[in-house]
N, C-alpha and C. Protein backbone atom coordinates (compact mmCIF):
# COMPACT_ATOMS: atom_id res chain seq x y z
N GLN A 1 1.77 19.90 -3.87
CA GLN A 1 0.93 18.78 -4.24
C GLN A 1 1.78 17.55 -4.51
N VAL A 2 1.24 16.41 -4.15
CA VAL A 2 1.89 15.14 -4.41
C VAL A 2 0.97 14.29 -5.28
N GLN A 3 1.50 13.76 -6.34
CA GLN A 3 0.76 12.81 -7.17
C GLN A 3 1.34 11.42 -6.92
N LEU A 4 0.44 10.47 -6.71
CA LEU A 4 0.84 9.09 -6.44
C LEU A 4 0.28 8.18 -7.53
N VAL A 5 1.11 7.30 -8.05
CA VAL A 5 0.67 6.37 -9.07
C VAL A 5 1.08 4.96 -8.66
N GLU A 6 0.08 4.09 -8.53
CA GLU A 6 0.33 2.69 -8.19
C GLU A 6 0.49 1.86 -9.45
N SER A 7 1.24 0.79 -9.33
CA SER A 7 1.42 -0.16 -10.42
C SER A 7 1.74 -1.53 -9.83
N GLY A 8 1.66 -2.55 -10.69
CA GLY A 8 2.04 -3.89 -10.26
C GLY A 8 0.89 -4.81 -9.97
N GLY A 9 -0.33 -4.32 -10.04
CA GLY A 9 -1.47 -5.19 -9.80
C GLY A 9 -1.67 -6.17 -10.94
N GLY A 10 -2.57 -7.12 -10.72
CA GLY A 10 -2.86 -8.10 -11.75
C GLY A 10 -3.61 -9.28 -11.21
N LEU A 11 -3.67 -10.34 -12.03
CA LEU A 11 -4.36 -11.58 -11.67
C LEU A 11 -3.32 -12.61 -11.27
N VAL A 12 -3.52 -13.23 -10.12
CA VAL A 12 -2.54 -14.20 -9.62
C VAL A 12 -3.30 -15.34 -8.94
N PRO A 13 -2.83 -16.57 -9.05
CA PRO A 13 -3.51 -17.67 -8.36
C PRO A 13 -3.25 -17.62 -6.86
N ALA A 14 -4.14 -18.23 -6.10
CA ALA A 14 -3.95 -18.31 -4.66
C ALA A 14 -2.59 -18.93 -4.34
N GLY A 15 -1.91 -18.35 -3.36
CA GLY A 15 -0.58 -18.80 -3.00
C GLY A 15 0.53 -18.05 -3.72
N GLY A 16 0.16 -17.28 -4.71
CA GLY A 16 1.14 -16.54 -5.49
C GLY A 16 1.57 -15.24 -4.83
N SER A 17 2.38 -14.49 -5.56
CA SER A 17 2.94 -13.24 -5.05
C SER A 17 2.80 -12.13 -6.07
N LEU A 18 2.74 -10.92 -5.55
CA LEU A 18 2.76 -9.71 -6.37
C LEU A 18 3.54 -8.65 -5.61
N ARG A 19 4.13 -7.74 -6.35
CA ARG A 19 4.81 -6.60 -5.74
C ARG A 19 4.21 -5.33 -6.31
N LEU A 20 3.57 -4.57 -5.47
CA LEU A 20 3.01 -3.29 -5.87
C LEU A 20 4.02 -2.18 -5.66
N SER A 21 3.96 -1.20 -6.54
CA SER A 21 4.81 -0.02 -6.40
C SER A 21 3.92 1.22 -6.38
N CYS A 22 4.39 2.22 -5.69
CA CYS A 22 3.72 3.52 -5.63
C CYS A 22 4.79 4.59 -5.81
N THR A 23 4.73 5.29 -6.93
CA THR A 23 5.72 6.31 -7.23
C THR A 23 5.12 7.69 -7.10
N GLY A 24 5.85 8.55 -6.43
CA GLY A 24 5.36 9.90 -6.23
C GLY A 24 6.03 10.90 -7.14
N SER A 25 5.30 11.98 -7.40
CA SER A 25 5.85 13.10 -8.16
C SER A 25 5.29 14.39 -7.58
N GLY A 26 5.96 15.47 -7.91
CA GLY A 26 5.52 16.76 -7.39
C GLY A 26 6.32 17.19 -6.17
N ARG A 27 6.56 16.26 -5.28
CA ARG A 27 7.37 16.49 -4.08
C ARG A 27 8.06 15.20 -3.71
N THR A 28 9.12 15.34 -2.95
CA THR A 28 9.76 14.14 -2.45
C THR A 28 8.87 13.47 -1.40
N LEU A 29 8.83 12.14 -1.44
CA LEU A 29 8.05 11.39 -0.46
C LEU A 29 8.83 11.12 0.82
N SER A 30 10.07 11.55 0.86
CA SER A 30 10.95 11.17 1.98
C SER A 30 10.51 11.72 3.32
N THR A 31 9.64 12.73 3.33
CA THR A 31 9.17 13.29 4.59
C THR A 31 7.75 12.83 4.94
N TYR A 32 7.22 11.93 4.13
CA TYR A 32 5.84 11.49 4.32
C TYR A 32 5.77 10.09 4.92
N ILE A 33 4.82 9.91 5.82
CA ILE A 33 4.39 8.59 6.22
C ILE A 33 3.59 8.03 5.05
N MET A 34 3.83 6.78 4.69
CA MET A 34 3.13 6.18 3.55
C MET A 34 2.30 5.00 4.02
N GLY A 35 1.16 4.84 3.38
CA GLY A 35 0.29 3.73 3.72
C GLY A 35 -0.24 3.04 2.48
N TRP A 36 -0.57 1.78 2.63
CA TRP A 36 -1.29 1.02 1.61
C TRP A 36 -2.65 0.65 2.20
N PHE A 37 -3.68 0.93 1.44
CA PHE A 37 -5.04 0.57 1.80
C PHE A 37 -5.62 -0.29 0.69
N ARG A 38 -6.74 -0.96 0.99
CA ARG A 38 -7.38 -1.76 -0.04
C ARG A 38 -8.88 -1.70 0.14
N GLN A 39 -9.58 -1.86 -0.97
CA GLN A 39 -11.04 -1.86 -0.95
C GLN A 39 -11.56 -2.99 -1.82
N ALA A 40 -12.20 -3.93 -1.18
CA ALA A 40 -12.81 -5.05 -1.88
C ALA A 40 -14.22 -4.67 -2.33
N PRO A 41 -14.74 -5.35 -3.34
CA PRO A 41 -16.10 -5.04 -3.82
C PRO A 41 -17.13 -5.12 -2.70
N GLY A 42 -17.92 -4.06 -2.56
CA GLY A 42 -18.97 -4.05 -1.56
C GLY A 42 -18.51 -3.80 -0.14
N LYS A 43 -17.22 -3.52 0.03
CA LYS A 43 -16.68 -3.30 1.38
C LYS A 43 -16.04 -1.92 1.48
N GLU A 44 -15.85 -1.48 2.71
CA GLU A 44 -15.20 -0.20 2.92
C GLU A 44 -13.68 -0.36 2.75
N ARG A 45 -13.05 0.75 2.45
CA ARG A 45 -11.60 0.75 2.32
C ARG A 45 -10.97 0.46 3.67
N GLU A 46 -9.93 -0.37 3.68
CA GLU A 46 -9.29 -0.75 4.93
C GLU A 46 -7.78 -0.61 4.82
N PHE A 47 -7.18 -0.37 5.97
CA PHE A 47 -5.73 -0.25 6.07
C PHE A 47 -5.08 -1.61 5.88
N ALA A 48 -3.97 -1.62 5.15
CA ALA A 48 -3.20 -2.85 4.99
C ALA A 48 -1.82 -2.74 5.64
N ALA A 49 -1.10 -1.63 5.35
CA ALA A 49 0.26 -1.48 5.88
C ALA A 49 0.67 -0.03 5.87
N GLY A 50 1.60 0.33 6.76
CA GLY A 50 2.11 1.68 6.82
C GLY A 50 3.59 1.67 7.13
N ILE A 51 4.27 2.76 6.75
CA ILE A 51 5.71 2.84 6.97
C ILE A 51 6.09 4.28 7.29
N SER A 52 7.02 4.44 8.22
CA SER A 52 7.46 5.77 8.59
C SER A 52 8.28 6.40 7.47
N TRP A 53 8.54 7.71 7.60
CA TRP A 53 9.26 8.40 6.54
C TRP A 53 10.66 7.83 6.35
N SER A 54 11.26 7.34 7.43
CA SER A 54 12.62 6.80 7.34
C SER A 54 12.63 5.33 6.95
N GLY A 55 11.50 4.67 7.09
CA GLY A 55 11.44 3.24 6.83
C GLY A 55 11.77 2.39 8.04
N ASP A 56 12.06 3.03 9.16
CA ASP A 56 12.47 2.29 10.35
C ASP A 56 11.29 1.62 11.07
N SER A 57 10.11 2.17 10.87
CA SER A 57 8.93 1.62 11.55
C SER A 57 7.87 1.22 10.54
N THR A 58 7.23 0.10 10.79
CA THR A 58 6.16 -0.38 9.93
C THR A 58 4.99 -0.86 10.79
N ASP A 59 3.83 -0.95 10.16
CA ASP A 59 2.65 -1.43 10.84
C ASP A 59 1.80 -2.18 9.82
N TYR A 60 1.13 -3.22 10.29
CA TYR A 60 0.34 -4.06 9.38
C TYR A 60 -1.01 -4.38 10.00
N ALA A 61 -2.00 -4.53 9.14
CA ALA A 61 -3.27 -5.09 9.59
C ALA A 61 -3.06 -6.56 9.94
N ASP A 62 -3.81 -7.04 10.89
CA ASP A 62 -3.67 -8.44 11.30
C ASP A 62 -3.88 -9.40 10.12
N SER A 63 -4.76 -9.01 9.20
CA SER A 63 -5.11 -9.89 8.09
C SER A 63 -3.97 -10.10 7.11
N VAL A 64 -2.96 -9.23 7.12
CA VAL A 64 -1.86 -9.36 6.17
C VAL A 64 -0.51 -9.58 6.85
N LYS A 65 -0.49 -9.50 8.16
CA LYS A 65 0.76 -9.63 8.91
C LYS A 65 1.40 -10.98 8.64
N GLY A 66 2.69 -10.96 8.35
CA GLY A 66 3.41 -12.19 8.04
C GLY A 66 3.40 -12.57 6.58
N ARG A 67 2.53 -11.93 5.80
CA ARG A 67 2.44 -12.23 4.36
C ARG A 67 2.84 -11.03 3.50
N PHE A 68 2.54 -9.82 3.97
CA PHE A 68 2.85 -8.61 3.22
C PHE A 68 4.02 -7.89 3.88
N THR A 69 4.81 -7.21 3.06
CA THR A 69 5.93 -6.40 3.55
C THR A 69 5.93 -5.07 2.84
N ILE A 70 5.88 -4.00 3.62
CA ILE A 70 5.96 -2.65 3.05
C ILE A 70 7.40 -2.16 3.18
N SER A 71 7.86 -1.48 2.15
CA SER A 71 9.21 -0.92 2.16
C SER A 71 9.21 0.34 1.32
N ARG A 72 10.31 1.07 1.37
CA ARG A 72 10.39 2.30 0.59
C ARG A 72 11.81 2.55 0.13
N ASP A 73 11.92 3.24 -0.99
CA ASP A 73 13.20 3.69 -1.52
C ASP A 73 13.06 5.18 -1.75
N ASN A 74 13.49 5.95 -0.78
CA ASN A 74 13.30 7.41 -0.88
C ASN A 74 14.10 8.01 -2.03
N ALA A 75 15.19 7.40 -2.39
CA ALA A 75 15.97 7.91 -3.51
C ALA A 75 15.19 7.81 -4.82
N LYS A 76 14.30 6.82 -4.89
CA LYS A 76 13.49 6.62 -6.09
C LYS A 76 12.07 7.14 -5.90
N ASN A 77 11.81 7.75 -4.73
CA ASN A 77 10.48 8.30 -4.46
C ASN A 77 9.39 7.24 -4.62
N THR A 78 9.68 6.05 -4.15
CA THR A 78 8.79 4.91 -4.38
C THR A 78 8.60 4.10 -3.11
N VAL A 79 7.37 3.61 -2.95
CA VAL A 79 7.02 2.73 -1.85
C VAL A 79 6.53 1.42 -2.45
N PHE A 80 6.85 0.33 -1.77
CA PHE A 80 6.51 -0.99 -2.29
C PHE A 80 5.63 -1.76 -1.31
N LEU A 81 4.86 -2.68 -1.85
CA LEU A 81 4.13 -3.63 -1.03
C LEU A 81 4.35 -5.01 -1.64
N GLN A 82 5.17 -5.80 -0.98
CA GLN A 82 5.40 -7.17 -1.40
C GLN A 82 4.33 -8.05 -0.77
N MET A 83 3.59 -8.74 -1.61
CA MET A 83 2.47 -9.56 -1.14
C MET A 83 2.74 -11.01 -1.48
N ASN A 84 2.88 -11.83 -0.47
CA ASN A 84 3.14 -13.26 -0.65
C ASN A 84 1.96 -14.07 -0.09
N SER A 85 1.92 -15.33 -0.47
CA SER A 85 0.88 -16.24 0.01
C SER A 85 -0.51 -15.62 -0.14
N LEU A 86 -0.76 -15.10 -1.31
CA LEU A 86 -2.01 -14.38 -1.54
C LEU A 86 -3.21 -15.31 -1.46
N LYS A 87 -4.30 -14.74 -0.95
CA LYS A 87 -5.56 -15.48 -0.77
C LYS A 87 -6.65 -14.79 -1.59
N PRO A 88 -7.69 -15.53 -1.94
CA PRO A 88 -8.80 -14.89 -2.68
C PRO A 88 -9.36 -13.67 -1.94
N GLU A 89 -9.35 -13.70 -0.62
CA GLU A 89 -9.87 -12.56 0.13
C GLU A 89 -8.97 -11.33 0.08
N ASP A 90 -7.81 -11.45 -0.52
CA ASP A 90 -6.95 -10.29 -0.74
C ASP A 90 -7.35 -9.52 -2.00
N THR A 91 -8.30 -10.06 -2.75
CA THR A 91 -8.77 -9.39 -3.96
C THR A 91 -9.37 -8.04 -3.61
N ALA A 92 -8.84 -6.99 -4.23
CA ALA A 92 -9.27 -5.63 -3.92
C ALA A 92 -8.55 -4.66 -4.84
N VAL A 93 -9.00 -3.42 -4.81
CA VAL A 93 -8.22 -2.33 -5.39
C VAL A 93 -7.30 -1.82 -4.28
N TYR A 94 -6.01 -1.74 -4.58
CA TYR A 94 -5.02 -1.31 -3.61
C TYR A 94 -4.60 0.13 -3.89
N TYR A 95 -4.62 0.93 -2.84
CA TYR A 95 -4.30 2.35 -2.94
C TYR A 95 -3.10 2.66 -2.06
N CYS A 96 -2.23 3.53 -2.54
CA CYS A 96 -1.21 4.07 -1.65
C CYS A 96 -1.62 5.49 -1.27
N ALA A 97 -1.11 5.92 -0.12
CA ALA A 97 -1.49 7.22 0.41
C ALA A 97 -0.32 7.82 1.18
N ALA A 98 -0.31 9.14 1.29
CA ALA A 98 0.79 9.85 1.95
C ALA A 98 0.24 10.85 2.97
N ARG A 99 0.93 10.93 4.10
CA ARG A 99 0.56 11.91 5.11
C ARG A 99 1.82 12.44 5.78
N LEU A 100 1.77 13.68 6.25
CA LEU A 100 2.93 14.26 6.91
C LEU A 100 2.96 13.96 8.39
N TYR A 101 1.79 13.90 9.02
CA TYR A 101 1.76 13.80 10.47
C TYR A 101 0.79 12.72 10.93
N GLY A 102 0.83 12.43 12.21
CA GLY A 102 -0.12 11.51 12.81
C GLY A 102 0.52 10.19 13.21
N SER A 103 0.01 9.63 14.28
CA SER A 103 0.53 8.36 14.77
C SER A 103 -0.41 7.20 14.45
N ASN A 104 -1.64 7.49 14.12
CA ASN A 104 -2.60 6.45 13.80
C ASN A 104 -2.58 6.18 12.30
N TRP A 105 -1.62 5.37 11.89
CA TRP A 105 -1.41 5.16 10.46
C TRP A 105 -2.58 4.44 9.81
N SER A 106 -3.38 3.71 10.58
CA SER A 106 -4.48 2.95 9.99
C SER A 106 -5.71 3.80 9.74
N GLY A 107 -5.69 5.05 10.22
CA GLY A 107 -6.83 5.93 9.99
C GLY A 107 -6.84 6.49 8.59
N PRO A 108 -7.95 7.07 8.18
CA PRO A 108 -8.10 7.54 6.80
C PRO A 108 -7.54 8.94 6.54
N ASP A 109 -6.93 9.55 7.55
CA ASP A 109 -6.53 10.95 7.44
C ASP A 109 -5.21 11.13 6.69
N TYR A 110 -5.18 10.65 5.48
CA TYR A 110 -4.02 10.86 4.63
C TYR A 110 -4.26 12.05 3.71
N ASP A 111 -3.19 12.73 3.38
CA ASP A 111 -3.31 13.95 2.59
C ASP A 111 -3.45 13.68 1.10
N TYR A 112 -2.81 12.65 0.62
CA TYR A 112 -2.81 12.35 -0.82
C TYR A 112 -3.07 10.87 -1.04
N TRP A 113 -3.78 10.60 -2.12
CA TRP A 113 -4.14 9.23 -2.49
C TRP A 113 -3.87 8.98 -3.96
N GLY A 114 -3.47 7.76 -4.27
CA GLY A 114 -3.35 7.36 -5.67
C GLY A 114 -4.70 6.89 -6.20
N GLN A 115 -4.71 6.50 -7.47
CA GLN A 115 -5.94 6.07 -8.13
C GLN A 115 -6.23 4.58 -7.91
N GLY A 116 -5.23 3.84 -7.47
CA GLY A 116 -5.45 2.43 -7.15
C GLY A 116 -5.02 1.49 -8.27
N THR A 117 -4.72 0.27 -7.88
CA THR A 117 -4.38 -0.79 -8.82
C THR A 117 -5.11 -2.06 -8.39
N GLN A 118 -5.69 -2.76 -9.36
CA GLN A 118 -6.51 -3.93 -9.06
C GLN A 118 -5.65 -5.16 -8.82
N VAL A 119 -5.94 -5.84 -7.75
CA VAL A 119 -5.32 -7.13 -7.46
C VAL A 119 -6.43 -8.17 -7.38
N THR A 120 -6.32 -9.21 -8.18
CA THR A 120 -7.31 -10.28 -8.20
C THR A 120 -6.61 -11.60 -7.94
N VAL A 121 -7.07 -12.31 -6.92
CA VAL A 121 -6.48 -13.60 -6.56
C VAL A 121 -7.52 -14.68 -6.84
N SER A 122 -7.18 -15.57 -7.72
CA SER A 122 -8.11 -16.65 -8.10
C SER A 122 -7.92 -17.86 -7.18
N SER A 123 -9.03 -18.54 -6.94
CA SER A 123 -8.97 -19.72 -6.05
C SER A 123 -8.69 -20.99 -6.82
């Protein structure tokens, strides 16, 4: 079993930045593909970013490309999401997730999910 805990959310003005962290326990995350998803009020959960187990490959939703950066530190069992130039439409609960296999990182087929952290961007 893998337990994932997100942190780093909060209230930030438009144009600001936040860095989310996702720390795993129970097993090493170094063999897992990791993803960040988000769910805004009244909307379905959507993919934001994904990273390979080694960190060599990344993928982003078009809506965050160029503004968000996903990275990982396997030694610390932690994945990060650096969010810059935040917009009010980025307001959502952000979840990290882990999966062992699969090439479609934007799909929902992740094995483990965190509880989420709230990000609110004021206009």
